[in-house]
Amino acid sequence: MIQRALSRVLRTSPVTLGVLFLVGVLVAGLALFQKNRIVATIRPGDTVRAEFTRDNHLRPFVSKVKVAGVPVGVVTGVGRDDDGVTEVSMKLAGGTREKLGTAPSAAIRPATFLGGNYYVELRPGGDPGRPHGTIPARRTTTPVELDRVLETLRPKAREGLRSTVRQLDATLDADGRDAVEKLLRSAPGTLEPAGDVLAAARGRNPDEDLTDVVSGLESAARVLTRRDGQLDGIVRDLRTTTAVLADQSAPVADTLAGLPATLRTTRAGLTRLDGTLERVRVTATAARPAVRELDRLLAKADPVLADARPLVRDLRPLLADARPVVEQLVPAARTGTGVLDDLSGPVLDRVNGPVMRTVLSPYKGTGKYQGSGSDKPLYQEVGYMIAGLGAVSKQVDANGSALSFQPGLSPGSVGDLPISLEQLFFHLFPTQEIER
């Protein structure tokens, strides 16, 4: 087979061989020029699209796509719609799309400080999963080129910038060089503790702890930015609160200064309240049966209260009429309080003492009245005497009253005195007659 093919080639004319060679060279050249397109087309992966305000000279099958600085794909298409929005298509390596989350963002970044070459930086965001649809323009950014920045500067500002650069160069040529050299000499001693700090920041499980911290921060950031303007409102409110606290710093300081004493007082009060609550608990435990019975009483009292409503309603006018009487009783009550205050003390003590003993004890005569009296109390004897006077003051028969007289007392009723009271009153009041 090989010999036959060689024999056919040898029999071919030189012109034909030259044409075939040129065609092969052309095909190889085209393949080399389209290498990136061919490789991107053949390589398996997923396509992601993003919208930008401008393309910043992105070149299909040349501009790279990176995630965290690592190349993961290439730009496959750049187009502009009627609204002036640039749509960029990107071919990503297999498994990259699943790591972007449901709401990733994209940014066009320069490969160098001066620009020229640009690439697309993808940043994961949202919940874990795959992005849906095109990344919108509100989640994409484009770089500001240096020439655009310089265009905004006035001529004097540009001259000042040039002067600053010249002075920086002079500074580095003079004492600045020594300072930089000292910084570089002291850097190793500083980097070693910095390495320890960074190693500690990785946690005890470097493969998981730092990743969990970043995931937690991402979740927190996602929650904070879920509602547009909410975080801004919180910051503004915090600023207002801080301003109020600054204006009221003196009262706040006084409050904080008195807080330890307040806490001590509160602690003592809570300690005492603990004993009170214990007593309340014991009392409540003992009161439970009474409360159960009270429930039954209230259940039975409901009909009574319902029947009493008309009575209470009728009592309202009576209470309104009685209010002036009660108001007039207030001064009388004050006067009565004074009278009772006067009666209290020696007066009531004498009544409760000697007077009550005399009235409640039997009368026994002494002196020339020796032998008189009885075993009955004095108040009974006085009562019997008054009842007897009522009986002897009249004499009646079948025809009516036969004899009637009225007993009474006069100065002559008192006997066994050194002088006669009747004659004394007669001499003191000669114009008046004293009846026996």
Protein backbone atom coordinates (compact mmCIF):
# COMPACT_ATOMS: atom_id res chain seq x y z
CA MET A 1 0.00 0.00 0.00
CA ILE A 2 2.77 2.42 0.95
CA GLN A 3 4.78 1.52 -2.13
CA ARG A 4 1.76 2.11 -4.37
CA ALA A 5 1.13 5.53 -2.80
CA LEU A 6 4.80 6.49 -3.20
CA SER A 7 4.77 5.34 -6.79
CA ARG A 8 1.69 7.45 -7.52
CA VAL A 9 3.30 10.51 -5.89
CA LEU A 10 6.48 10.01 -7.90
CA ARG A 11 4.43 9.77 -11.06
CA THR A 12 2.66 13.08 -10.19
CA SER A 13 3.92 16.12 -12.02
CA PRO A 14 5.97 18.77 -10.11
CA VAL A 15 3.27 21.37 -10.75
CA THR A 16 0.67 19.30 -9.03
CA LEU A 17 2.97 18.69 -6.09
CA GLY A 18 3.66 22.42 -5.81
CA VAL A 19 -0.06 23.22 -5.78
CA LEU A 20 -0.72 20.60 -3.15
CA PHE A 21 2.14 21.96 -1.04
CA LEU A 22 0.78 25.51 -1.28
CA VAL A 23 -2.72 24.36 -0.35
CA GLY A 24 -1.31 22.53 2.68
CA VAL A 25 0.64 25.60 3.72
CA LEU A 26 -2.46 27.78 3.39
CA VAL A 27 -4.60 25.34 5.42
CA ALA A 28 -1.92 25.15 8.12
CA GLY A 29 -1.64 28.96 8.21
CA LEU A 30 -5.41 29.39 8.52
CA ALA A 31 -5.48 26.75 11.25
CA LEU A 32 -2.74 28.60 13.14
CA PHE A 33 -4.54 31.93 12.84
CA GLN A 34 -7.81 30.39 13.98
CA LYS A 35 -6.23 28.21 16.65
CA ASN A 36 -8.03 29.91 19.52
CA ARG A 37 -11.42 29.67 17.78
CA ILE A 38 -10.87 26.02 16.93
CA VAL A 39 -9.70 25.13 20.45
CA ALA A 40 -12.61 27.04 22.09
CA THR A 41 -15.10 25.36 19.78
CA ILE A 42 -13.74 21.86 20.34
CA ARG A 43 -13.18 22.20 24.12
CA PRO A 44 -16.25 21.15 26.17
CA GLY A 45 -17.82 23.70 28.52
CA ASP A 46 -20.72 26.09 29.19
CA THR A 47 -21.58 29.45 27.66
CA VAL A 48 -22.37 32.44 29.89
CA ARG A 49 -23.54 35.84 28.66
CA ALA A 50 -23.22 39.25 30.34
CA GLU A 51 -24.33 42.79 29.45
CA PHE A 52 -21.90 45.75 29.65
CA THR A 53 -22.22 49.44 28.90
CA ARG A 54 -19.23 49.21 26.51
CA ASP A 55 -16.90 46.50 25.24
CA ASN A 56 -13.50 48.06 26.15
CA HIS A 57 -11.90 46.43 23.08
CA LEU A 58 -12.68 42.86 24.06
CA ARG A 59 -11.63 40.50 21.26
CA PRO A 60 -13.45 37.22 20.60
CA PHE A 61 -11.35 34.09 21.14
CA VAL A 62 -8.49 36.29 22.45
CA SER A 63 -9.71 38.03 25.62
CA LYS A 64 -9.63 35.67 28.58
CA VAL A 65 -12.21 35.04 31.27
CA LYS A 66 -10.96 34.67 34.86
CA VAL A 67 -12.37 33.80 38.27
CA ALA A 68 -10.28 35.00 41.23
CA GLY A 69 -7.38 35.62 38.83
CA VAL A 70 -7.45 32.07 37.42
CA PRO A 71 -8.25 31.70 33.66
CA VAL A 72 -11.40 29.62 33.22
CA GLY A 73 -12.47 30.46 29.66
CA VAL A 74 -12.38 32.83 26.72
CA VAL A 75 -14.64 35.48 25.20
CA THR A 76 -16.41 33.96 22.17
CA GLY A 77 -18.55 36.88 21.01
CA VAL A 78 -19.05 40.64 21.43
CA GLY A 79 -22.17 42.31 20.06
CA ARG A 80 -24.15 45.52 20.53
CA ASP A 81 -27.96 45.76 20.43
CA ASP A 82 -30.15 48.68 19.37
CA ASP A 83 -30.15 50.13 22.92
CA GLY A 84 -26.38 50.47 22.97
CA VAL A 85 -25.86 47.59 25.41
CA THR A 86 -22.90 45.33 24.70
CA GLU A 87 -23.55 41.60 25.12
CA VAL A 88 -20.48 39.45 25.70
CA SER A 89 -20.56 35.65 25.27
CA MET A 90 -18.03 33.59 27.24
CA LYS A 91 -17.09 29.91 26.91
CA LEU A 92 -16.18 28.54 30.36
CA ALA A 93 -14.45 25.32 31.31
CA GLY A 94 -16.62 22.47 32.50
CA GLY A 95 -17.83 22.76 36.12
CA THR A 96 -17.12 26.52 36.34
CA ARG A 97 -20.73 27.65 35.88
CA GLU A 98 -21.89 25.67 38.91
CA LYS A 99 -19.43 27.62 41.09
CA LEU A 100 -20.73 31.07 40.09
CA GLY A 101 -23.96 30.94 42.10
CA THR A 102 -27.39 32.18 41.08
CA ALA A 103 -26.47 35.90 40.92
CA PRO A 104 -22.86 36.33 39.75
CA SER A 105 -21.33 39.65 38.67
CA ALA A 106 -18.82 40.50 35.96
CA ALA A 107 -16.25 43.22 35.41
CA ILE A 108 -13.98 44.14 32.52
CA ARG A 109 -10.46 44.71 33.85
CA PRO A 110 -7.22 45.82 32.17
CA ALA A 111 -4.43 43.31 31.99
CA THR A 112 -1.86 46.09 32.61
CA PHE A 113 -1.89 49.46 34.34
CA LEU A 114 -1.87 51.33 31.04
CA GLY A 115 -4.68 49.25 29.54
CA GLY A 116 -4.59 47.92 26.03
CA ASN A 117 -5.45 44.30 26.77
CA TYR A 118 -8.56 43.49 28.81
CA TYR A 119 -10.17 40.42 30.29
CA VAL A 120 -13.47 39.59 31.99
CA GLU A 121 -13.46 38.91 35.74
CA LEU A 122 -16.40 36.82 37.03
CA ARG A 123 -17.34 37.03 40.73
CA PRO A 124 -19.62 34.40 42.29
CA GLY A 125 -22.73 35.68 44.07
CA GLY A 126 -26.23 34.80 45.21
CA ASP A 127 -27.26 31.37 46.41
CA PRO A 128 -25.34 28.23 45.51
CA GLY A 129 -26.28 26.98 42.06
CA ARG A 130 -26.08 27.93 38.38
CA PRO A 131 -26.81 31.44 37.03
CA HIS A 132 -30.06 31.81 35.12
CA GLY A 133 -30.08 33.84 31.93
CA THR A 134 -27.79 36.74 31.09
CA ILE A 135 -25.90 38.64 33.76
CA PRO A 136 -27.65 42.05 33.71
CA ALA A 137 -25.83 45.36 33.30
CA ARG A 138 -26.58 46.38 36.91
CA ARG A 139 -24.22 43.61 38.05
CA THR A 140 -21.41 44.43 35.62
CA THR A 141 -18.75 47.15 35.64
CA THR A 142 -16.27 48.52 33.15
CA PRO A 143 -12.87 50.11 33.90
CA VAL A 144 -12.09 53.78 33.65
CA GLU A 145 -9.15 54.15 31.29
CA LEU A 146 -6.22 56.32 32.20
CA ASP A 147 -6.65 58.64 29.23
CA ARG A 148 -10.26 59.29 30.26
CA VAL A 149 -9.03 60.22 33.73
CA LEU A 150 -6.38 62.52 32.32
CA GLU A 151 -8.97 64.19 30.06
CA THR A 152 -10.90 65.32 33.14
CA LEU A 153 -7.81 67.02 34.63
CA ARG A 154 -7.21 70.68 33.88
CA PRO A 155 -3.86 71.79 32.43
CA LYS A 156 -2.65 73.11 35.80
CA ALA A 157 -3.58 69.82 37.44
CA ARG A 158 -1.65 67.90 34.79
CA GLU A 159 1.37 70.13 35.33
CA GLY A 160 1.10 69.53 39.08
CA LEU A 161 0.95 65.78 38.48
CA ARG A 162 4.11 65.96 36.34
CA SER A 163 5.84 67.97 39.07
CA THR A 164 4.80 65.37 41.66
CA VAL A 165 6.26 62.56 39.55
CA ARG A 166 9.54 64.49 39.08
CA GLN A 167 9.78 65.19 42.82
CA LEU A 168 9.04 61.53 43.58
CA ASP A 169 11.88 60.52 41.27
CA ALA A 170 14.21 63.03 43.00
CA THR A 171 13.12 61.74 46.41
CA LEU A 172 13.89 58.15 45.46
CA ASP A 173 17.29 59.20 44.10
CA ALA A 174 18.22 60.97 47.39
CA ASP A 175 17.23 60.01 50.91
CA GLY A 176 14.25 58.01 49.73
CA ARG A 177 16.48 55.29 48.38
CA ASP A 178 18.01 54.75 51.82
CA ALA A 179 14.52 54.61 53.38
CA VAL A 180 13.41 52.03 50.82
CA GLU A 181 16.54 49.97 51.45
CA LYS A 182 15.90 50.08 55.22
CA LEU A 183 12.30 49.01 54.59
CA LEU A 184 13.47 46.08 52.47
CA ARG A 185 16.04 45.06 55.11
CA SER A 186 13.41 45.13 57.90
CA ALA A 187 10.74 43.45 55.77
CA PRO A 188 11.88 39.84 56.37
CA GLY A 189 11.60 40.25 60.14
CA THR A 190 8.11 41.68 59.69
CA LEU A 191 6.94 39.12 57.18
CA GLU A 192 7.60 36.18 59.50
CA PRO A 193 5.08 37.37 62.19
CA ALA A 194 2.74 38.35 59.35
CA GLY A 195 3.00 34.78 58.08
CA ASP A 196 2.06 33.51 61.53
CA VAL A 197 -0.97 35.83 61.55
CA LEU A 198 -2.05 34.65 58.12
CA ALA A 199 -1.52 31.01 59.13
CA ALA A 200 -3.68 31.60 62.22
CA ALA A 201 -6.32 33.25 60.03
CA ARG A 202 -6.61 30.01 58.07
CA GLY A 203 -7.95 28.31 61.25
CA ARG A 204 -7.34 24.85 62.61
CA ASN A 205 -8.70 23.26 59.44
CA PRO A 206 -7.16 25.35 56.62
CA ASP A 207 -9.11 23.49 53.96
CA GLU A 208 -12.49 24.30 55.57
CA ASP A 209 -12.33 27.16 58.15
CA LEU A 210 -11.34 29.99 55.83
CA THR A 211 -13.78 28.74 53.21
CA ASP A 212 -16.57 28.67 55.80
CA VAL A 213 -15.68 32.22 56.92
CA VAL A 214 -15.78 33.48 53.34
CA SER A 215 -19.08 31.67 52.73
CA GLY A 216 -20.53 33.15 55.89
CA LEU A 217 -19.41 36.64 54.90
CA GLU A 218 -20.89 36.09 51.46
CA SER A 219 -24.21 35.01 52.99
CA ALA A 220 -24.20 38.01 55.32
CA ALA A 221 -23.43 40.36 52.41
CA ARG A 222 -26.19 38.75 50.35
CA VAL A 223 -28.72 39.28 53.15
CA LEU A 224 -27.59 42.90 53.67
CA THR A 225 -27.89 43.71 49.97
CA ARG A 226 -31.08 41.75 49.28
CA ARG A 227 -33.25 44.88 49.51
CA ASP A 228 -31.99 47.94 47.69
CA GLY A 229 -31.57 50.95 49.98
CA GLN A 230 -32.14 49.05 53.23
CA LEU A 231 -28.47 49.08 54.27
CA ASP A 232 -28.24 52.76 53.32
CA GLY A 233 -31.26 53.52 55.52
CA ILE A 234 -29.72 51.60 58.41
CA VAL A 235 -26.48 53.57 58.09
CA ARG A 236 -28.39 56.89 57.96
CA ASP A 237 -30.42 55.93 61.02
CA LEU A 238 -27.22 54.89 62.77
CA ARG A 239 -25.72 58.28 61.94
CA THR A 240 -28.78 60.05 63.40
CA THR A 241 -28.61 57.87 66.52
CA THR A 242 -24.90 58.60 66.91
CA ALA A 243 -25.54 62.34 66.56
CA VAL A 244 -28.26 62.21 69.23
CA LEU A 245 -25.98 60.25 71.56
CA ALA A 246 -23.21 62.79 70.96
CA ASP A 247 -25.56 65.69 71.80
CA GLN A 248 -26.73 63.88 74.94
CA SER A 249 -23.28 62.68 75.95
CA ALA A 250 -23.42 64.38 79.37
CA PRO A 251 -26.72 62.74 80.47
CA VAL A 252 -25.52 59.40 79.08
CA ALA A 253 -22.27 59.75 81.05
CA ASP A 254 -24.23 60.58 84.22
CA THR A 255 -26.47 57.57 83.63
CA LEU A 256 -23.48 55.28 83.14
CA ALA A 257 -21.81 56.74 86.25
CA GLY A 258 -24.89 55.98 88.35
CA LEU A 259 -25.43 52.58 86.75
CA PRO A 260 -23.26 50.61 89.27
CA ALA A 261 -25.24 51.97 92.24
CA THR A 262 -28.48 51.27 90.38
CA LEU A 263 -27.35 47.72 89.67
CA ARG A 264 -26.44 47.19 93.33
CA THR A 265 -29.85 48.51 94.42
CA THR A 266 -31.55 46.37 91.81
CA ARG A 267 -29.63 43.32 92.97
CA ALA A 268 -30.63 43.93 96.61
CA GLY A 269 -34.24 44.45 95.54
CA LEU A 270 -34.23 41.25 93.49
CA THR A 271 -32.71 39.36 96.42
CA ARG A 272 -35.51 40.56 98.68
CA LEU A 273 -38.04 39.91 95.96
CA ASP A 274 -36.83 36.31 95.82
CA GLY A 275 -38.07 35.73 99.37
CA THR A 276 -41.32 37.54 98.60
CA LEU A 277 -41.88 35.39 95.53
CA GLU A 278 -41.23 32.27 97.58
CA ARG A 279 -43.92 33.37 100.04
CA VAL A 280 -46.23 34.18 97.17
CA ARG A 281 -45.61 30.71 95.78
CA VAL A 282 -46.48 29.10 99.11
CA THR A 283 -49.54 31.35 99.47
CA ALA A 284 -50.64 30.63 95.92
CA THR A 285 -50.31 26.90 96.53
CA ALA A 286 -52.50 27.17 99.63
CA ALA A 287 -54.97 29.46 97.83
CA ARG A 288 -55.61 27.12 94.92
CA PRO A 289 -58.55 25.28 96.58
CA ALA A 290 -60.12 28.63 97.52
CA VAL A 291 -59.68 29.85 93.95
CA ARG A 292 -61.39 26.73 92.63
CA GLU A 293 -64.31 27.33 94.99
CA LEU A 294 -64.31 31.01 94.02
CA ASP A 295 -64.75 29.94 90.42
CA ARG A 296 -67.91 28.10 91.37
CA LEU A 297 -69.08 31.08 93.45
CA LEU A 298 -68.58 33.44 90.53
CA ALA A 299 -70.45 31.05 88.26
CA LYS A 300 -73.41 31.12 90.66
CA ALA A 301 -73.07 34.87 91.22
CA ASP A 302 -73.52 35.68 87.55
CA PRO A 303 -77.34 35.28 87.62
CA VAL A 304 -77.50 37.29 90.86
CA LEU A 305 -75.50 40.11 89.31
CA ALA A 306 -77.72 40.00 86.24
CA ASP A 307 -80.83 40.35 88.46
CA ALA A 308 -79.13 43.16 90.45
CA ARG A 309 -78.51 45.29 87.38
CA PRO A 310 -81.98 46.95 87.45
CA LEU A 311 -81.54 47.72 91.15
CA VAL A 312 -78.13 49.24 90.56
CA ARG A 313 -79.55 51.23 87.66
CA ASP A 314 -82.35 52.57 89.92
CA LEU A 315 -79.85 53.42 92.64
CA ARG A 316 -77.99 55.86 90.41
CA PRO A 317 -80.55 58.73 90.89
CA LEU A 318 -80.60 58.00 94.63
CA LEU A 319 -76.82 58.22 94.79
CA ALA A 320 -76.94 61.48 92.85
CA ASP A 321 -79.47 62.89 95.38
CA ALA A 322 -77.46 61.57 98.31
CA ARG A 323 -74.25 63.18 97.14
CA PRO A 324 -75.09 66.67 98.61
CA VAL A 325 -75.98 65.00 101.93
CA VAL A 326 -72.66 63.17 101.95
CA GLU A 327 -70.83 66.39 101.10
CA GLN A 328 -72.57 68.11 104.05
CA LEU A 329 -71.60 65.21 106.30
CA VAL A 330 -67.93 65.91 105.70
CA PRO A 331 -67.77 68.95 108.09
CA ALA A 332 -70.03 67.09 110.56
CA ALA A 333 -67.62 64.17 110.44
CA ARG A 334 -64.71 66.51 111.15
CA THR A 335 -66.65 67.99 114.15
CA GLY A 336 -67.59 64.51 115.35
CA THR A 337 -63.95 63.51 115.12
CA GLY A 338 -63.10 66.40 117.45
CA VAL A 339 -65.84 65.39 119.91
CA LEU A 340 -64.68 61.79 119.94
CA ASP A 341 -61.12 62.98 120.43
CA ASP A 342 -62.31 64.99 123.46
CA LEU A 343 -64.19 61.97 124.86
CA SER A 344 -61.27 59.65 124.41
CA GLY A 345 -58.74 59.41 127.14
CA PRO A 346 -59.71 60.33 130.75
CA VAL A 347 -63.47 60.65 130.06
CA LEU A 348 -63.89 57.22 128.51
CA ASP A 349 -61.45 55.74 131.01
CA ARG A 350 -63.60 57.11 133.90
CA VAL A 351 -66.80 55.84 132.29
CA ASN A 352 -65.27 52.43 131.55
CA GLY A 353 -63.69 52.35 135.01
CA PRO A 354 -65.37 53.70 138.21
CA VAL A 355 -68.74 54.61 136.64
CA MET A 356 -69.26 51.19 135.02
CA ARG A 357 -68.11 49.37 138.18
CA THR A 358 -70.56 51.41 140.33
CA VAL A 359 -73.50 50.89 137.96
CA LEU A 360 -72.85 47.17 137.50
CA SER A 361 -72.07 46.37 141.18
CA PRO A 362 -74.78 45.90 143.93
CA TYR A 363 -75.41 48.79 146.35
CA LYS A 364 -74.30 48.29 149.96
CA GLY A 365 -75.05 51.11 152.44
CA THR A 366 -72.35 52.36 154.77
CA GLY A 367 -72.36 54.57 157.84
CA LYS A 368 -75.85 55.42 159.03
CA TYR A 369 -77.11 53.66 155.88
CA GLN A 370 -75.44 50.47 157.07
CA GLY A 371 -77.56 47.46 156.27
CA SER A 372 -79.40 49.00 153.32
CA GLY A 373 -78.96 47.71 149.81
CA SER A 374 -79.45 44.39 148.04
CA ASP A 375 -77.63 41.85 145.89
CA LYS A 376 -78.99 43.32 142.67
CA PRO A 377 -76.85 45.71 140.60
CA LEU A 378 -77.40 49.43 141.04
CA TYR A 379 -78.83 49.92 137.52
CA GLN A 380 -81.56 47.36 138.28
CA GLU A 381 -82.46 49.06 141.59
CA VAL A 382 -82.65 52.45 139.80
CA GLY A 383 -84.88 50.94 137.16
CA TYR A 384 -87.17 49.40 139.73
CA MET A 385 -87.31 52.74 141.59
CA ILE A 386 -88.36 54.63 138.46
CA ALA A 387 -90.97 51.99 137.66
CA GLY A 388 -92.30 52.18 141.26
CA LEU A 389 -92.55 55.98 141.07
CA GLY A 390 -94.70 55.60 138.01
CA ALA A 391 -96.99 53.19 139.86
CA VAL A 392 -97.42 55.25 143.07
CA SER A 393 -97.98 58.55 141.24
CA LYS A 394 -101.58 57.66 140.54
CA GLN A 395 -104.49 55.94 142.28
CA VAL A 396 -107.31 54.66 140.10
CA ASP A 397 -110.51 52.68 140.65
CA ALA A 398 -113.44 51.62 138.52
CA ASN A 399 -114.72 55.23 138.35
CA GLY A 400 -111.36 56.60 137.17
CA SER A 401 -108.50 58.47 138.82
CA ALA A 402 -109.18 59.07 142.54
CA LEU A 403 -105.82 60.60 143.51
CA SER A 404 -103.01 61.87 141.31
CA PHE A 405 -99.77 63.57 142.23
CA GLN A 406 -96.48 64.19 140.52
CA PRO A 407 -93.32 63.36 142.47
CA GLY A 408 -90.33 65.55 141.92
CA LEU A 409 -87.14 66.97 143.42
CA SER A 410 -86.49 70.36 145.08
CA PRO A 411 -83.78 71.89 147.29
CA GLY A 412 -85.72 70.69 150.30
CA SER A 413 -85.43 67.07 149.13
CA VAL A 414 -81.82 66.95 150.32
CA GLY A 415 -81.65 66.47 154.08
CA ASP A 416 -79.11 66.07 156.87
CA LEU A 417 -77.25 69.20 155.80
CA PRO A 418 -75.86 71.87 158.20
CA ILE A 419 -78.03 74.49 156.42
CA SER A 420 -81.31 74.38 154.55
CA LEU A 421 -80.85 74.72 150.84
CA GLU A 422 -84.42 75.93 150.49
CA GLN A 423 -83.83 78.85 152.90
CA LEU A 424 -80.48 79.57 151.17
CA PHE A 425 -82.13 79.91 147.76
CA PHE A 426 -84.94 82.02 149.34
CA HIS A 427 -82.45 84.52 150.71
CA LEU A 428 -80.46 84.51 147.44
CA PHE A 429 -83.56 84.95 145.26
CA PRO A 430 -86.17 86.75 147.49
CA THR A 431 -88.45 87.69 144.58
CA GLN A 432 -88.94 84.04 143.56
CA GLU A 433 -90.98 81.47 145.43
CA ILE A 434 -89.60 78.06 145.80
CA GLU A 435 -92.24 75.39 145.60
CA ARG A 436 -92.02 72.34 147.65
